[in-house]
Amino acid sequence: MIDFRYHLVSLIAVFLAVALGIVIGTTQLNGPVLTNLQNQVSQLQEDKRALEDQTQGLQAQLDDDGGFDEAVGPVLVADRLAGSSVLLVIAGGDVDPEVVEGVTALLGSAGATVTGTVRLTDTYADPATTSGLESYVTGPGLPAGVVPAETGDAGELLASVLAQVLMVPGEGDDGAGVPPDTTATAQVLAGLEELGVLSRDTSSVSPAEYAVVLTSGAVEGEDADVRTTALVELATALDAAGAGAVVAGDPVAAEDGGLIAAIRADAGASDNVSTVDNVTAAAGRIATVLALVAEGAGTSGQYGAGEDAQPVPAPVS
């Protein structure tokens, strides 16, 4: 008869056999598995180093290209805007100061005079400020001769007033070539500064024939669509009131939620206002100046590195 001790010894033997098998199996597998893992890690490290080298090479190539563009930019645009005046409008607090400086310098190389820089605040066309803006632009505080558009849209009202005091009428317009009264310009800008919708980055701002609107990133917030629409209306109004306008920004501005994307998606706006989606690069700043030249010749286009965009405007004779 088999007793309990026999069962106990049998169970111990089974467990010992299992444990011994695990130990032997692990010992036998450890070598190949570990070697395989080490080989994979080594390969990944080599791939990483190769990608880093490739990235550094591409960055060096980009730097060389950017340096070349910086060097030839003044030559490419030399005197293309001789005798012209340009207003800078900064729409967005994230616009790099180096971009503003670069565009300003290149406009100088083109023979243009920058008449000032206006910076729009985050509250520009914010629905929360609509009541105060409408009261100002439709009230008795406007200078004589400044007549707001007949519309109930606050963005259009504000755009029409700004366009009248900031732009010199182009050819074919009533009063072509006659600049607005600088006193009226200063008065309107001061009133809007009091409302907190803009500021002046330069000591003085005078009307100009052309406008460059510099933007960056996407418009954010609950009322982003309303504010973006208002910025499109402003760019369109500046273009219509003067000799032409160009909206230039970084690549993000050409994506959903960005001002450039909004203009390109609006057939009426894109037919009249030129856009540049790589102004953060030297090539984009060159394209911005050349786009103004094309605007003066009556041609608008979409330029830069984005989809369906031309690298630079076609030469204007």
Protein backbone atom coordinates (compact mmCIF):
# COMPACT_ATOMS: atom_id res chain seq x y z
CA MET A 1 0.00 0.00 0.00
CA ILE A 2 1.36 3.46 -1.02
CA ASP A 3 1.60 5.73 2.02
CA PHE A 4 1.74 9.53 2.42
CA ARG A 5 5.54 9.63 2.54
CA TYR A 6 5.73 8.11 -0.90
CA HIS A 7 3.43 10.82 -2.30
CA LEU A 8 5.47 13.53 -0.57
CA VAL A 9 8.74 12.23 -1.98
CA SER A 10 7.18 12.00 -5.46
CA LEU A 11 5.95 15.60 -5.31
CA ILE A 12 9.33 16.85 -4.13
CA ALA A 13 11.00 14.99 -6.96
CA VAL A 14 8.63 16.56 -9.50
CA PHE A 15 9.24 20.08 -8.19
CA LEU A 16 12.98 19.50 -8.14
CA ALA A 17 12.85 18.29 -11.74
CA VAL A 18 10.86 21.35 -12.82
CA ALA A 19 13.21 23.73 -11.00
CA LEU A 20 16.25 21.97 -12.45
CA GLY A 21 14.74 22.19 -15.93
CA ILE A 22 14.11 25.92 -15.54
CA VAL A 23 17.64 26.53 -14.32
CA ILE A 24 19.19 24.48 -17.11
CA GLY A 25 16.90 26.04 -19.74
CA THR A 26 17.57 29.56 -18.58
CA THR A 27 21.29 28.96 -18.51
CA GLN A 28 21.22 27.57 -22.03
CA LEU A 29 19.06 30.45 -23.35
CA ASN A 30 20.75 33.31 -21.53
CA GLY A 31 23.74 33.34 -23.82
CA PRO A 32 21.97 33.51 -27.22
CA VAL A 33 19.21 35.86 -25.97
CA LEU A 34 21.66 38.24 -24.36
CA THR A 35 23.89 38.22 -27.41
CA ASN A 36 20.91 38.94 -29.67
CA LEU A 37 19.79 41.84 -27.50
CA GLN A 38 23.29 43.29 -27.41
CA ASN A 39 23.48 43.09 -31.20
CA GLN A 40 20.14 44.90 -31.55
CA VAL A 41 21.21 47.64 -29.14
CA SER A 42 24.49 48.09 -31.01
CA GLN A 43 22.64 48.35 -34.32
CA LEU A 44 20.20 50.90 -32.91
CA GLN A 45 23.09 52.97 -31.59
CA GLU A 46 24.74 52.90 -35.01
CA ASP A 47 21.46 53.92 -36.67
CA LYS A 48 21.07 56.77 -34.17
CA ARG A 49 24.59 58.04 -34.87
CA ALA A 50 23.97 57.83 -38.61
CA LEU A 51 20.72 59.81 -38.30
CA GLU A 52 22.44 62.42 -36.13
CA ASP A 53 25.18 62.79 -38.74
CA GLN A 54 22.57 63.09 -41.49
CA THR A 55 20.63 65.70 -39.51
CA GLN A 56 23.76 67.73 -38.87
CA GLY A 57 24.63 67.55 -42.55
CA LEU A 58 21.17 68.72 -43.60
CA GLN A 59 21.22 71.52 -41.02
CA ALA A 60 24.61 72.65 -42.30
CA GLN A 61 23.24 72.63 -45.84
CA LEU A 62 20.23 74.70 -44.72
CA ASP A 63 22.51 77.13 -42.94
CA ASP A 64 24.62 77.47 -46.08
CA ASP A 65 21.51 78.05 -48.20
CA GLY A 66 20.18 80.58 -45.68
CA GLY A 67 23.51 82.35 -45.62
CA PHE A 68 23.52 82.51 -49.40
CA ASP A 69 19.99 83.92 -49.45
CA GLU A 70 20.94 86.49 -46.84
CA ALA A 71 23.91 87.52 -48.94
CA VAL A 72 22.15 87.81 -52.29
CA GLY A 73 18.82 89.14 -50.96
CA PRO A 74 19.76 92.84 -51.08
CA VAL A 75 21.04 92.40 -54.64
CA LEU A 76 17.90 90.59 -55.79
CA VAL A 77 15.57 93.29 -54.48
CA ALA A 78 17.79 96.33 -55.09
CA ASP A 79 15.71 99.37 -56.08
CA ARG A 80 12.68 97.23 -56.94
CA LEU A 81 10.53 99.46 -54.71
CA ALA A 82 12.47 102.69 -55.15
CA GLY A 83 10.52 105.68 -53.92
CA SER A 84 7.73 103.55 -52.44
CA SER A 85 6.45 103.56 -48.86
CA VAL A 86 5.54 100.51 -46.79
CA LEU A 87 3.66 100.12 -43.51
CA LEU A 88 4.36 97.13 -41.25
CA VAL A 89 1.47 95.61 -39.29
CA ILE A 90 2.34 92.94 -36.72
CA ALA A 91 -0.61 90.62 -36.11
CA GLY A 92 0.45 88.36 -33.25
CA GLY A 93 2.80 88.75 -30.32
CA ASP A 94 4.93 85.75 -31.34
CA VAL A 95 6.42 87.36 -34.43
CA ASP A 96 10.19 87.13 -34.03
CA PRO A 97 11.83 90.59 -33.77
CA GLU A 98 14.57 89.31 -36.10
CA VAL A 99 11.91 88.75 -38.76
CA VAL A 100 10.70 92.34 -38.38
CA GLU A 101 14.27 93.62 -38.57
CA GLY A 102 15.06 91.42 -41.57
CA VAL A 103 12.01 92.52 -43.55
CA THR A 104 12.66 96.16 -42.67
CA ALA A 105 16.30 95.93 -43.81
CA LEU A 106 15.36 94.23 -47.06
CA LEU A 107 12.69 96.84 -47.80
CA GLY A 108 15.40 99.45 -47.33
CA SER A 109 17.59 97.59 -49.83
CA ALA A 110 14.67 97.67 -52.26
CA GLY A 111 14.56 101.45 -51.97
CA ALA A 112 11.35 101.61 -49.95
CA THR A 113 10.69 103.69 -46.85
CA VAL A 114 9.05 101.99 -43.88
CA THR A 115 6.63 104.59 -42.53
CA GLY A 116 6.05 102.86 -39.20
CA THR A 117 5.04 99.70 -37.41
CA VAL A 118 1.63 99.04 -35.89
CA ARG A 119 1.18 96.06 -33.55
CA LEU A 120 -2.26 94.51 -33.06
CA THR A 121 -3.00 93.17 -29.59
CA ASP A 122 -4.75 89.93 -28.69
CA THR A 123 -7.94 91.91 -28.12
CA TYR A 124 -8.09 93.13 -31.72
CA ALA A 125 -11.60 92.26 -32.93
CA ASP A 126 -12.26 90.34 -29.73
CA PRO A 127 -16.06 90.11 -29.32
CA ALA A 128 -15.59 91.31 -25.73
CA THR A 129 -14.42 94.70 -27.07
CA THR A 130 -17.01 94.99 -29.84
CA SER A 131 -19.25 97.43 -28.02
CA GLY A 132 -16.47 99.93 -27.30
CA LEU A 133 -15.03 99.65 -30.82
CA GLU A 134 -18.38 100.19 -32.49
CA SER A 135 -19.04 103.22 -30.31
CA TYR A 136 -15.69 104.70 -31.30
CA VAL A 137 -15.67 104.01 -35.06
CA THR A 138 -19.29 105.10 -35.52
CA GLY A 139 -19.21 107.98 -33.06
CA PRO A 140 -18.24 111.66 -33.32
CA GLY A 141 -14.65 110.99 -32.24
CA LEU A 142 -13.43 110.11 -35.74
CA PRO A 143 -11.56 112.81 -37.71
CA ALA A 144 -13.41 114.63 -40.45
CA GLY A 145 -13.36 112.75 -43.72
CA VAL A 146 -12.96 109.30 -42.16
CA VAL A 147 -16.18 107.45 -42.94
CA PRO A 148 -16.62 103.88 -41.64
CA ALA A 149 -18.08 101.22 -43.89
CA GLU A 150 -21.84 100.75 -43.81
CA THR A 151 -21.90 97.41 -42.06
CA GLY A 152 -22.84 95.91 -38.74
CA ASP A 153 -19.71 93.78 -38.63
CA ALA A 154 -17.22 95.18 -36.09
CA GLY A 155 -14.24 93.71 -37.92
CA GLU A 156 -15.19 95.36 -41.20
CA LEU A 157 -15.89 98.67 -39.47
CA LEU A 158 -12.48 98.70 -37.81
CA ALA A 159 -10.70 97.54 -40.97
CA SER A 160 -12.31 100.26 -43.08
CA VAL A 161 -11.31 103.01 -40.64
CA LEU A 162 -7.72 101.77 -40.34
CA ALA A 163 -7.35 101.39 -44.10
CA GLN A 164 -8.51 104.99 -44.64
CA VAL A 165 -5.92 106.49 -42.28
CA LEU A 166 -3.02 104.09 -42.94
CA MET A 167 -2.95 103.70 -46.73
CA VAL A 168 -2.21 106.08 -49.59
CA PRO A 169 -4.84 105.51 -52.32
CA GLY A 170 -3.45 103.68 -55.33
CA GLU A 171 -3.93 104.34 -59.00
CA GLY A 172 -7.53 104.28 -60.13
CA ASP A 173 -8.84 105.22 -56.69
CA ASP A 174 -10.46 108.50 -55.79
CA GLY A 175 -7.74 110.81 -54.57
CA ALA A 176 -5.04 108.52 -56.01
CA GLY A 177 -1.63 109.30 -54.59
CA VAL A 178 -2.92 111.77 -52.02
CA PRO A 179 -2.02 110.55 -48.55
CA PRO A 180 -4.44 110.84 -45.65
CA ASP A 181 -3.91 113.64 -43.19
CA THR A 182 -1.22 112.53 -40.73
CA THR A 183 -3.12 114.24 -37.94
CA ALA A 184 -6.13 112.02 -38.69
CA THR A 185 -3.85 108.97 -38.68
CA ALA A 186 -2.37 109.86 -35.31
CA GLN A 187 -5.81 110.63 -33.87
CA VAL A 188 -7.35 107.31 -34.92
CA LEU A 189 -4.33 105.28 -33.74
CA ALA A 190 -4.35 107.08 -30.41
CA GLY A 191 -8.07 106.35 -29.97
CA LEU A 192 -7.57 102.67 -30.73
CA GLU A 193 -4.59 102.52 -28.38
CA GLU A 194 -6.85 103.79 -25.63
CA LEU A 195 -9.19 100.90 -26.39
CA GLY A 196 -6.25 98.48 -26.15
CA VAL A 197 -6.56 96.95 -29.62
CA LEU A 198 -3.21 98.11 -31.00
CA SER A 199 0.03 99.88 -30.21
CA ARG A 200 2.71 101.70 -32.16
CA ASP A 201 6.16 100.08 -32.19
CA THR A 202 7.74 103.14 -33.80
CA SER A 203 7.78 106.73 -32.62
CA SER A 204 5.67 107.76 -35.60
CA VAL A 205 3.36 106.04 -38.05
CA SER A 206 2.52 107.60 -41.41
CA PRO A 207 0.31 106.39 -44.27
CA ALA A 208 1.99 104.20 -46.89
CA GLU A 209 1.33 102.87 -50.38
CA TYR A 210 1.92 99.24 -49.41
CA ALA A 211 1.31 97.15 -46.31
CA VAL A 212 3.10 94.06 -45.01
CA VAL A 213 1.20 92.14 -42.34
CA LEU A 214 3.51 89.89 -40.31
CA THR A 215 1.92 86.97 -38.50
CA SER A 216 2.96 83.86 -36.62
CA GLY A 217 1.31 80.63 -35.51
CA ALA A 218 -2.42 80.10 -35.22
CA VAL A 219 -5.07 82.32 -33.68
CA GLU A 220 -6.22 80.62 -30.49
CA GLY A 221 -9.09 80.95 -28.05
CA GLU A 222 -12.85 80.48 -28.02
CA ASP A 223 -13.39 83.30 -30.54
CA ALA A 224 -10.47 82.37 -32.81
CA ASP A 225 -12.64 82.16 -35.95
CA VAL A 226 -14.12 85.61 -35.38
CA ARG A 227 -10.71 87.16 -34.77
CA THR A 228 -9.15 85.42 -37.77
CA THR A 229 -11.97 86.66 -39.98
CA ALA A 230 -11.37 90.20 -38.71
CA LEU A 231 -7.66 89.95 -39.59
CA VAL A 232 -8.54 88.74 -43.10
CA GLU A 233 -10.88 91.72 -43.43
CA LEU A 234 -8.09 94.07 -42.33
CA ALA A 235 -5.58 92.66 -44.82
CA THR A 236 -8.16 92.90 -47.60
CA ALA A 237 -9.06 96.48 -46.66
CA LEU A 238 -5.41 97.58 -46.56
CA ASP A 239 -4.85 96.02 -49.97
CA ALA A 240 -7.91 97.67 -51.49
CA ALA A 241 -7.10 101.09 -50.05
CA GLY A 242 -3.47 101.15 -51.20
CA ALA A 243 -1.22 99.77 -53.90
CA GLY A 244 -1.17 96.26 -52.41
CA ALA A 245 -0.72 94.16 -49.30
CA VAL A 246 1.25 91.04 -48.43
CA VAL A 247 0.62 88.80 -45.42
CA ALA A 248 3.83 86.99 -44.42
CA GLY A 249 4.23 84.46 -41.64
CA ASP A 250 5.82 81.24 -40.46
CA PRO A 251 4.80 77.77 -41.72
CA VAL A 252 2.36 77.29 -38.80
CA ALA A 253 0.40 80.34 -39.96
CA ALA A 254 -0.32 78.45 -43.19
CA GLU A 255 -1.92 75.58 -41.27
CA ASP A 256 -5.45 75.31 -39.86
CA GLY A 257 -6.18 78.24 -37.59
CA GLY A 258 -3.51 80.48 -39.09
CA LEU A 259 -4.10 83.79 -40.85
CA ILE A 260 -2.31 82.71 -44.03
CA ALA A 261 -4.42 79.55 -44.23
CA ALA A 262 -7.58 81.62 -43.78
CA ILE A 263 -6.62 83.99 -46.62
CA ARG A 264 -5.71 81.15 -48.95
CA ALA A 265 -9.02 79.44 -48.21
CA ASP A 266 -10.95 82.63 -49.05
CA ALA A 267 -11.13 83.03 -52.84
CA GLY A 268 -11.93 86.72 -52.64
CA ALA A 269 -9.05 87.47 -50.28
CA SER A 270 -6.47 85.26 -52.02
CA ASP A 271 -7.25 86.86 -55.38
CA ASN A 272 -6.17 90.23 -54.03
CA VAL A 273 -3.81 89.71 -51.09
CA SER A 274 -0.48 87.92 -51.53
CA THR A 275 0.80 85.54 -48.85
CA VAL A 276 4.25 84.20 -47.93
CA ASP A 277 4.46 81.20 -45.57
CA ASN A 278 8.20 81.11 -44.80
CA VAL A 279 9.12 84.64 -43.77
CA THR A 280 11.23 83.21 -40.94
CA ALA A 281 13.73 82.17 -43.64
CA ALA A 282 15.80 84.55 -45.74
CA ALA A 283 14.15 83.21 -48.90
CA GLY A 284 10.74 84.06 -47.48
CA ARG A 285 11.76 87.64 -46.68
CA ILE A 286 13.02 88.02 -50.25
CA ALA A 287 9.71 86.63 -51.52
CA THR A 288 7.83 89.14 -49.32
CA VAL A 289 9.56 92.11 -50.93
CA LEU A 290 9.18 90.69 -54.43
CA ALA A 291 5.51 90.00 -53.71
CA LEU A 292 5.06 93.70 -52.98
CA VAL A 293 6.66 94.45 -56.34
CA ALA A 294 4.20 92.07 -58.01
CA GLU A 295 1.30 93.66 -56.09
CA GLY A 296 2.31 97.01 -57.53
CA ALA A 297 2.02 95.47 -60.98
CA GLY A 298 -1.46 94.14 -60.18
CA THR A 299 -0.49 90.51 -59.52
CA SER A 300 -1.28 88.61 -56.34
CA GLY A 301 -0.02 85.14 -55.46
CA GLN A 302 0.70 82.59 -52.76
CA TYR A 303 4.39 82.06 -52.11
CA GLY A 304 6.68 80.04 -49.87
CA ALA A 305 7.27 76.37 -49.12
CA GLY A 306 3.70 75.26 -48.50
CA GLU A 307 1.48 73.13 -50.68
CA ASP A 308 0.39 74.85 -53.92
CA ALA A 309 2.66 77.83 -53.16
CA GLN A 310 5.28 79.20 -55.56
CA PRO A 311 8.81 79.57 -54.14
CA VAL A 312 9.06 83.24 -55.18
CA PRO A 313 7.01 85.65 -57.30
CA ALA A 314 7.72 85.72 -61.00
CA PRO A 315 10.01 88.59 -62.04
CA VAL A 316 8.21 91.85 -62.82
CA SER A 317 9.75 93.88 -65.60
